[in-house]
Protein backbone atom coordinates (compact mmCIF):
# COMPACT_ATOMS: atom_id res chain seq x y z
CA LYS A 1 30.75 -181.90 76.53
CA ALA A 2 31.38 -185.29 74.75
CA MET A 3 29.79 -185.42 71.11
CA THR A 4 26.95 -187.76 70.92
CA LYS A 5 26.85 -191.07 69.08
CA GLN A 6 23.94 -189.80 66.80
CA ALA A 7 26.08 -186.44 65.93
CA LYS A 8 28.91 -188.43 64.94
CA THR A 9 27.05 -190.58 62.81
CA LEU A 10 25.66 -187.74 60.90
CA ILE A 11 29.07 -185.92 60.36
CA THR A 12 30.44 -189.56 58.98
CA LEU A 13 27.38 -189.81 56.62
CA ALA A 14 27.92 -186.18 55.46
CA VAL A 15 31.43 -186.88 54.61
CA ILE A 16 30.69 -189.89 52.55
CA VAL A 17 27.97 -187.91 50.72
CA VAL A 18 30.55 -185.20 49.75
CA VAL A 19 33.14 -187.80 48.55
CA CYS A 20 30.69 -189.80 46.68
CA GLY A 21 29.36 -186.63 44.97
CA ALA A 22 33.03 -185.46 43.95
CA GLY A 23 33.60 -188.97 42.55
CA TYR A 24 30.40 -188.89 40.66
CA LEU A 25 31.16 -185.66 39.13
CA GLY A 26 34.75 -186.75 38.34
CA LEU A 27 33.29 -189.91 36.65
CA ARG A 28 30.78 -187.89 34.59
CA ALA A 29 33.53 -185.44 33.36
CA TRP A 30 35.75 -188.36 32.40
CA ASN A 31 32.87 -190.12 30.57
CA GLU A 32 32.04 -187.07 28.68
CA SER A 33 35.53 -186.41 27.51
CA GLN A 34 35.92 -189.90 26.32
CA SER A 35 32.64 -189.81 24.50
CA GLU A 36 33.64 -186.61 22.90
CA ALA A 37 37.10 -188.30 21.71
CA ASP A 38 35.30 -191.40 20.60
CA ASP A 39 32.78 -189.46 18.65
CA THR A 40 35.52 -187.96 16.46
CA VAL A 41 35.06 -189.18 12.87
CA TYR A 42 38.35 -189.31 10.91
CA ILE A 43 37.74 -189.21 6.89
CA THR A 44 41.56 -189.79 6.31
CA GLN A 45 44.07 -191.69 8.63
CA LEU A 46 47.30 -192.27 7.15
CA SER A 47 50.10 -192.59 9.31
CA ASP A 48 53.07 -191.33 7.13
CA PRO A 49 51.93 -189.89 3.71
CA THR A 50 54.57 -190.29 1.05
CA ALA A 51 52.91 -189.04 -1.88
CA LEU A 52 50.95 -186.08 -2.16
CA SER A 53 48.95 -184.61 -5.39
CA VAL A 54 46.64 -181.87 -5.57
CA THR A 55 44.28 -180.40 -7.96
CA ASN A 56 42.84 -176.77 -7.40
CA GLN A 57 41.96 -173.75 -9.40
CA TYR A 58 45.50 -173.03 -10.19
CA GLY A 59 46.07 -176.14 -11.88
CA GLY A 60 47.94 -178.21 -9.34
CA PHE A 61 51.07 -179.96 -8.25
CA ALA A 62 52.36 -183.42 -6.97
CA PHE A 63 55.41 -184.26 -5.01
CA THR A 64 56.87 -187.89 -3.64
CA LYS A 65 58.67 -187.99 -0.42
CA GLY A 66 62.10 -189.93 -0.64
CA GLU A 67 65.23 -190.44 1.70
CA GLU A 68 66.21 -186.90 1.02
CA GLY A 69 62.71 -185.24 1.65
CA TRP A 70 59.98 -183.94 -0.79
CA THR A 71 60.60 -183.77 -4.30
CA ARG A 72 58.47 -182.15 -7.05
CA ASP A 73 57.22 -185.16 -9.56
CA ASP A 74 57.67 -183.05 -12.62
CA ASP A 75 60.55 -181.00 -11.71
CA SER A 76 63.56 -182.53 -9.43
CA ASP A 77 65.29 -179.21 -9.49
CA PHE A 78 62.25 -177.40 -7.48
CA PRO A 79 63.67 -175.97 -4.03
CA THR A 80 60.76 -177.57 -2.20
CA ASP A 81 59.82 -176.24 1.31
CA GLN A 82 60.01 -179.44 3.13
CA ASP A 83 58.10 -178.03 6.34
CA ALA A 84 55.28 -176.84 3.92
CA LEU A 85 54.89 -180.25 2.39
CA ASP A 86 55.04 -181.81 5.67
CA ASP A 87 52.31 -179.65 7.13
CA LEU A 88 49.96 -180.30 4.04
CA ALA A 89 50.65 -183.90 4.06
CA ASP A 90 49.96 -184.25 7.87
CA GLN A 91 46.89 -181.97 7.60
CA ALA A 92 45.54 -184.16 4.43
CA GLY A 93 46.55 -187.16 6.02
CA LYS A 94 44.55 -187.23 9.28
CA LEU A 95 41.44 -185.17 8.34
CA SER A 96 38.54 -184.97 11.04
CA ALA A 97 34.81 -184.47 10.02
CA VAL A 98 32.65 -181.57 11.74
CA ARG A 99 29.46 -183.24 10.71
CA THR A 100 28.57 -186.57 8.95
CA ILE A 101 25.78 -186.80 6.31
CA ALA A 102 25.11 -190.57 6.02
CA ASP A 103 22.25 -190.12 3.66
CA PRO A 104 23.17 -187.24 1.35
CA GLU A 105 21.20 -185.72 -1.41
CA ASP A 106 22.36 -185.51 -5.06
CA LEU A 107 26.29 -184.52 -4.96
CA SER A 108 25.56 -181.44 -6.88
CA SER A 109 23.96 -180.08 -3.80
CA TYR A 110 27.41 -179.95 -2.07
CA GLY A 111 29.51 -179.25 -5.08
CA LEU A 112 31.01 -182.70 -5.20
CA ASP A 113 29.89 -183.48 -8.92
CA GLU A 114 32.37 -181.32 -9.94
CA PRO A 115 34.65 -180.73 -6.96
CA THR A 116 36.61 -177.57 -6.43
CA MET A 117 39.57 -179.60 -5.22
CA GLU A 118 41.22 -183.30 -5.54
CA VAL A 119 43.63 -184.53 -3.10
CA ASN A 120 45.47 -187.90 -3.76
CA LEU A 121 47.43 -189.54 -0.99
CA THR A 122 49.62 -192.65 -0.41
CA ASP A 123 51.08 -193.76 2.66
CA GLU A 124 54.31 -195.63 3.22
CA ASP A 125 52.13 -198.97 3.55
CA GLY A 126 50.96 -198.08 -0.27
CA THR A 127 47.47 -197.21 0.91
CA GLN A 128 45.86 -194.78 -1.48
CA VAL A 129 42.86 -192.29 -0.74
CA LYS A 130 41.38 -189.69 -2.77
CA LEU A 131 39.66 -186.97 -1.18
CA LEU A 132 37.03 -184.78 -2.97
CA ILE A 133 36.37 -181.21 -1.83
CA GLY A 134 33.34 -179.33 -3.01
CA SER A 135 31.22 -176.07 -2.19
CA THR A 136 31.58 -173.62 0.87
CA LEU A 137 28.98 -173.68 3.65
CA ASP A 138 27.74 -170.46 5.00
CA SER A 139 29.67 -171.23 8.15
CA GLY A 140 33.03 -171.01 6.13
CA GLY A 141 33.57 -175.03 6.26
CA TYR A 142 33.44 -177.09 3.18
CA TYR A 143 31.91 -180.38 1.90
CA ALA A 144 34.06 -183.22 1.20
CA LYS A 145 33.89 -187.06 0.80
CA LEU A 146 36.22 -189.96 -0.27
CA ASP A 147 36.11 -190.99 -3.81
CA GLY A 148 34.30 -194.47 -4.05
CA SER A 149 32.15 -193.49 -0.80
CA ASP A 150 28.59 -192.05 -0.50
CA THR A 151 28.96 -190.43 2.95
CA VAL A 152 29.18 -186.73 2.57
CA TYR A 153 31.13 -184.78 5.45
CA THR A 154 31.87 -181.19 6.35
CA ILE A 155 35.00 -180.14 7.35
CA ALA A 156 36.72 -177.03 8.65
CA SER A 157 38.17 -174.77 5.90
CA THR A 158 41.73 -175.15 7.39
CA LEU A 159 43.04 -177.70 4.73
CA PRO A 160 41.09 -176.29 1.94
CA THR A 161 42.51 -172.85 2.47
CA ALA A 162 46.17 -174.41 2.79
CA LEU A 163 45.70 -176.16 -0.31
CA ASP A 164 44.45 -173.42 -2.68
CA ILE A 165 47.86 -172.20 -3.42
CA GLN A 166 49.88 -171.99 -6.51
CA VAL A 167 53.01 -174.38 -6.64
CA ASP A 168 55.71 -171.57 -6.52
CA GLU A 169 54.29 -170.96 -2.97
CA LEU A 170 55.96 -174.18 -1.92
CA ILE A 171 59.42 -173.05 -2.90
CA ALA A 172 61.84 -172.75 0.10
CA LEU A 173 63.73 -169.15 0.13
CA ALA A 174 67.24 -168.99 1.26
CA GLU A 175 67.71 -167.69 4.55
CA PHE A 176 70.14 -164.99 5.90
CA PRO A 177 71.95 -165.60 9.05
CA SER A 178 71.00 -163.77 11.99
CA LEU A 179 72.85 -160.56 12.00
CA SER A 180 73.19 -157.65 14.63
CA GLU A 181 75.31 -155.03 15.75
CA ASP A 182 76.49 -157.34 18.57
CA ASN A 183 77.79 -160.09 16.19
CA ILE A 184 78.58 -158.09 12.88
CA GLN A 185 82.51 -157.68 12.87
CA SER A 186 83.00 -155.88 9.29
CA VAL A 187 80.70 -154.90 6.71
CA THR A 188 81.89 -154.12 2.91
CA TRP A 189 80.29 -152.53 0.29
CA THR A 190 81.21 -152.63 -3.44
CA SER A 191 79.68 -150.68 -6.15
CA GLY A 192 81.29 -150.00 -9.29
CA ASP A 193 84.75 -149.05 -8.35
CA SER A 194 83.87 -147.95 -5.09
CA THR A 195 84.58 -149.98 -2.06
CA VAL A 196 83.55 -149.09 1.65
CA THR A 197 84.56 -151.10 4.57
CA LEU A 198 83.10 -150.68 8.29
CA VAL A 199 85.03 -152.33 10.70
CA LYS A 200 84.26 -152.76 14.45
CA GLU A 201 87.38 -152.41 16.90
CA GLU A 202 86.99 -153.68 20.51
CA THR A 203 89.60 -152.50 22.80
CA GLU A 204 89.94 -153.61 26.87
CA SER A 205 90.76 -150.96 29.16
CA GLU A 206 91.32 -150.74 32.96
CA PRO A 207 88.68 -149.12 34.86
CA ALA A 208 89.20 -145.67 36.06
CA GLU A 209 90.50 -145.42 39.59
CA ASP A 210 88.05 -143.78 42.18
CA SER A 211 89.83 -140.48 43.34
CA SER A 212 88.39 -140.80 46.57
CA SER A 213 89.94 -144.28 47.31
CA ASP A 214 92.88 -142.91 49.16
CA SER A 215 90.85 -140.67 51.56
CA SER A 216 88.61 -143.61 52.23
CA ALA A 217 90.97 -146.24 52.74
CA ASP A 218 90.02 -147.38 56.08
CA SER A 219 86.36 -147.61 55.11
CA SER A 220 87.24 -149.36 52.06
CA THR A 221 88.61 -152.21 54.34
CA ASP A 222 85.43 -153.23 55.61
CA THR A 223 83.83 -153.69 52.01
CA SER A 224 83.67 -157.14 50.60
CA SER A 225 86.35 -158.67 48.59
CA ASP A 226 83.50 -159.31 45.77
CA SER A 227 83.14 -155.65 45.47
CA SER A 228 86.79 -154.77 45.02
CA SER A 229 87.11 -157.70 42.35
CA ASP A 230 84.23 -156.11 40.29
CA SER A 231 85.68 -153.00 40.25
CA SER A 232 89.07 -154.43 38.70
CA GLU A 233 87.17 -156.04 35.75
CA GLU A 234 88.20 -154.84 32.48
CA GLU A 235 85.86 -152.40 30.47
CA THR A 236 85.27 -153.12 26.90
CA THR A 237 85.29 -150.19 24.24
CA ILE A 238 83.65 -150.73 21.20
CA LEU A 239 84.09 -148.36 18.04
CA TRP A 240 82.88 -148.60 14.25
CA LYS A 241 85.49 -147.14 12.05
CA VAL A 242 85.47 -146.28 8.25
CA ASP A 243 88.60 -145.37 6.37
CA GLY A 244 90.37 -144.65 9.78
CA GLN A 245 87.34 -142.58 10.98
CA THR A 246 85.30 -143.23 14.03
CA VAL A 247 81.43 -143.67 13.03
CA SER A 248 79.29 -142.07 15.66
CA GLU A 249 76.65 -144.43 17.00
CA ASP A 250 73.92 -141.68 16.48
CA ASN A 251 74.93 -141.55 12.82
CA THR A 252 71.52 -142.13 10.83
CA THR A 253 73.32 -143.80 7.99
CA PHE A 254 74.80 -146.31 10.54
CA ILE A 255 71.47 -146.72 12.41
CA SER A 256 69.91 -147.59 9.11
CA LEU A 257 72.37 -150.08 7.97
CA MET A 258 72.33 -151.88 10.94
CA ALA A 259 68.79 -151.92 11.04
CA GLN A 260 68.34 -153.46 7.67
CA LEU A 261 71.15 -155.97 7.87
CA SER A 262 69.26 -157.55 10.76
CA GLU A 263 66.10 -157.86 8.56
CA LEU A 264 67.56 -159.25 5.41
CA ALA A 265 64.96 -161.35 3.58
CA PHE A 266 64.18 -162.64 0.00
CA SER A 267 60.48 -161.85 -1.01
CA ASP A 268 60.49 -164.35 -3.91
CA CYS A 269 62.27 -166.90 -5.82
CA TYR A 270 63.04 -165.79 -9.51
CA ASP A 271 64.70 -168.80 -10.92
CA TYR A 272 65.89 -172.01 -9.82
CA HIS A 273 67.35 -173.64 -13.07
CA LYS A 274 70.64 -172.40 -12.74
CA GLN A 275 71.30 -171.27 -16.11
CA ALA A 276 74.19 -169.10 -16.85
CA GLN A 277 72.29 -166.98 -19.55
CA THR A 278 69.65 -166.34 -16.96
CA ARG A 279 72.27 -164.94 -14.52
CA THR A 280 73.63 -162.94 -17.01
CA ASP A 281 70.14 -161.37 -18.21
CA CYS A 282 69.45 -160.44 -14.42
CA GLY A 283 72.89 -158.57 -14.48
CA LEU A 284 74.67 -160.72 -11.80
CA ASP A 285 77.56 -161.29 -13.86
CA THR A 286 78.17 -157.37 -13.65
CA PRO A 287 76.58 -156.41 -10.30
CA VAL A 288 75.42 -153.17 -9.12
CA GLY A 289 76.81 -154.01 -5.68
CA VAL A 290 78.29 -156.67 -3.55
CA LEU A 291 77.55 -156.85 0.28
CA THR A 292 79.96 -158.96 2.51
CA VAL A 293 79.30 -159.25 5.99
CA VAL A 294 82.04 -160.94 8.47
CA TYR A 295 80.10 -161.95 11.65
CA THR A 296 80.42 -164.43 14.49
CA ASP A 297 78.01 -167.44 15.22
CA GLY A 298 79.00 -168.91 18.68
CA ASP A 299 82.70 -169.09 18.47
CA GLU A 300 82.92 -169.41 14.76
CA GLU A 301 83.62 -166.48 12.76
CA LYS A 302 81.81 -166.57 9.15
CA THR A 303 81.33 -164.44 6.06
CA MET A 304 77.99 -163.87 4.17
CA THR A 305 78.07 -162.44 0.58
CA LEU A 306 75.14 -160.87 -1.01
CA THR A 307 75.08 -160.14 -4.91
CA LEU A 308 72.96 -157.60 -6.38
CA GLY A 309 72.17 -157.54 -10.00
CA ALA A 310 69.71 -155.31 -11.91
CA LEU A 311 66.56 -154.00 -11.08
CA ALA A 312 63.70 -156.54 -11.74
CA GLU A 313 60.65 -155.83 -13.84
CA GLY A 314 58.49 -153.03 -11.93
CA GLY A 315 61.80 -151.52 -10.21
CA ASP A 316 60.45 -152.81 -6.80
CA SER A 317 63.26 -155.43 -6.29
CA TYR A 318 66.87 -156.42 -7.43
CA TYR A 319 67.69 -159.89 -8.77
CA ALA A 320 70.01 -161.16 -5.99
CA MET A 321 72.16 -164.27 -4.95
CA LEU A 322 73.44 -165.44 -1.89
CA ASP A 323 76.71 -166.80 -1.34
CA ASP A 324 77.23 -169.80 -3.72
CA ASP A 325 73.70 -170.48 -3.81
CA PRO A 326 73.10 -170.69 -7.60
CA ILE A 327 69.48 -169.78 -7.15
CA ILE A 328 68.30 -166.33 -8.28
CA TYR A 329 65.96 -164.44 -5.70
CA LEU A 330 64.26 -161.38 -5.24
CA ILE A 331 65.09 -158.58 -2.63
CA PRO A 332 63.07 -155.50 -2.19
CA THR A 333 64.81 -152.12 -2.87
CA ASN A 334 63.48 -150.35 0.22
CA GLU A 335 64.97 -153.09 2.51
CA ILE A 336 68.48 -152.45 0.93
CA GLY A 337 68.46 -148.60 0.45
CA SER A 338 70.98 -148.03 3.30
CA LEU A 339 73.60 -150.11 1.26
CA PHE A 340 73.53 -147.29 -1.51
CA SER A 341 74.04 -144.70 1.17
CA MET A 342 76.87 -146.39 2.57
CA THR A 343 79.70 -144.02 1.83
CA VAL A 344 82.59 -142.51 4.08
CA ASP A 345 81.28 -138.92 3.83
CA ASN A 346 77.63 -140.28 5.02
CA LEU A 347 79.03 -142.75 7.76
CA THR A 348 81.44 -139.77 9.29
CA ALA A 349 79.02 -137.04 9.03
CA VAL A 350 78.08 -134.83 11.80
CA GLU A 351 74.67 -134.44 12.54
CA GLU A 352 73.09 -131.73 14.34
CA THR A 353 71.13 -132.59 17.59
CA ASP A 354 67.84 -130.90 18.41
CA GLU A 355 69.51 -128.73 20.94
CA GLU A 356 71.97 -127.37 18.48
CA THR A 357 69.43 -126.79 15.94
CA ASP A 358 67.36 -125.04 18.58
CA ALA A 359 70.35 -123.03 19.49
CA ASP A 360 71.10 -121.92 16.08
CA THR A 361 67.58 -120.88 15.53
CA SER A 362 67.69 -118.76 18.66
CA THR A 363 71.07 -117.25 17.54
CA ASP A 364 69.65 -116.37 14.06
CA THR A 365 66.66 -114.70 15.49
CA SER A 366 68.42 -112.71 18.21
CA SER A 367 71.12 -111.52 15.74
CA ASP A 368 67.91 -110.53 13.44
CA THR A 369 66.27 -108.67 16.57
CA SER A 370 69.47 -107.03 17.09
CA THR A 371 70.07 -105.74 13.69
CA ASP A 372 66.60 -104.50 13.47
CA THR A 373 67.08 -102.72 16.79
CA SER A 374 70.25 -101.13 15.47
CA THR A 375 68.70 -99.92 12.37
CA ASP A 376 65.88 -98.36 13.90
CA THR A 377 67.81 -96.64 16.64
CA ALA A 378 70.43 -95.19 13.92
CA SER A 379 67.57 -94.01 11.84
CA GLU A 380 66.04 -91.91 14.75
């Protein structure tokens, strides 16, 4: 039956209502997002800060950014962590307010009469701002204001927390190359008069032929050529050797060594002033050990050398130097313990499996039982 004219009109009106409603909701959402974006108040808006100085509970620090990156103002030798400085400058250079207090009370109410932190910033255009950070809020945020302005703001704790550091926390620690059993070619440990070298040997071998291939020649004709080509690929056999002897992949000294080599990291910088006397005092002229690792980085073969000096105060770390870097670092003793266990005897030791240990225990028990039984029988 044909649809009446009235029904068609009602359907058309319903479609129009749905479309208009969807359009209204979309427009409303867009307006709300724009309102939120427009309502954001920025306390500082510097495009590219080139100078940053901070005063905090530890004293403070000042850095200037030049063509070669950030440099500490009072110590040009300071090995600056460039990424850390960029992050601090970016945070301070574009700081948004959580809330604006346009008609504040006395500054002492916000801890801004005697700020806990002061941050001075200069951008590439020469624009300067001074940010004062006061006391904390119960919510965890902070009060803040610009020097010379009466407006007080509340800010998130992110920036104050990042700035509440000692200058030594901005030192860039040297990083070790990425090492693993896959890319390590050899490991040499020299301590005193002893030198031990662990070498990886890779051999290519033809795959073993299937003994059933002759009896199934007809059926093999039906298989694809891809399958036959896969079976003819050479197999790579990897062996680790020390002093000509093969090292078992289950050897605990070997496993521990590879694990620690893959996680090498300095814990701190001890001295970066490159003084010969400091090097001598740290025992690095007569090291307790030198680690040399030959490894591959892509198609290139490289060498890493770690020199260990004396134990640092407290005995938890060694003074250390990496390759030709003259800076003296600290490396935790518990992260390099496997080096001091790297001997030929330890690397070639045959360790009992759980099954062998259980078997030995069973044999001893049986022997004791048999002996006791024999003794009892003889006495009877």
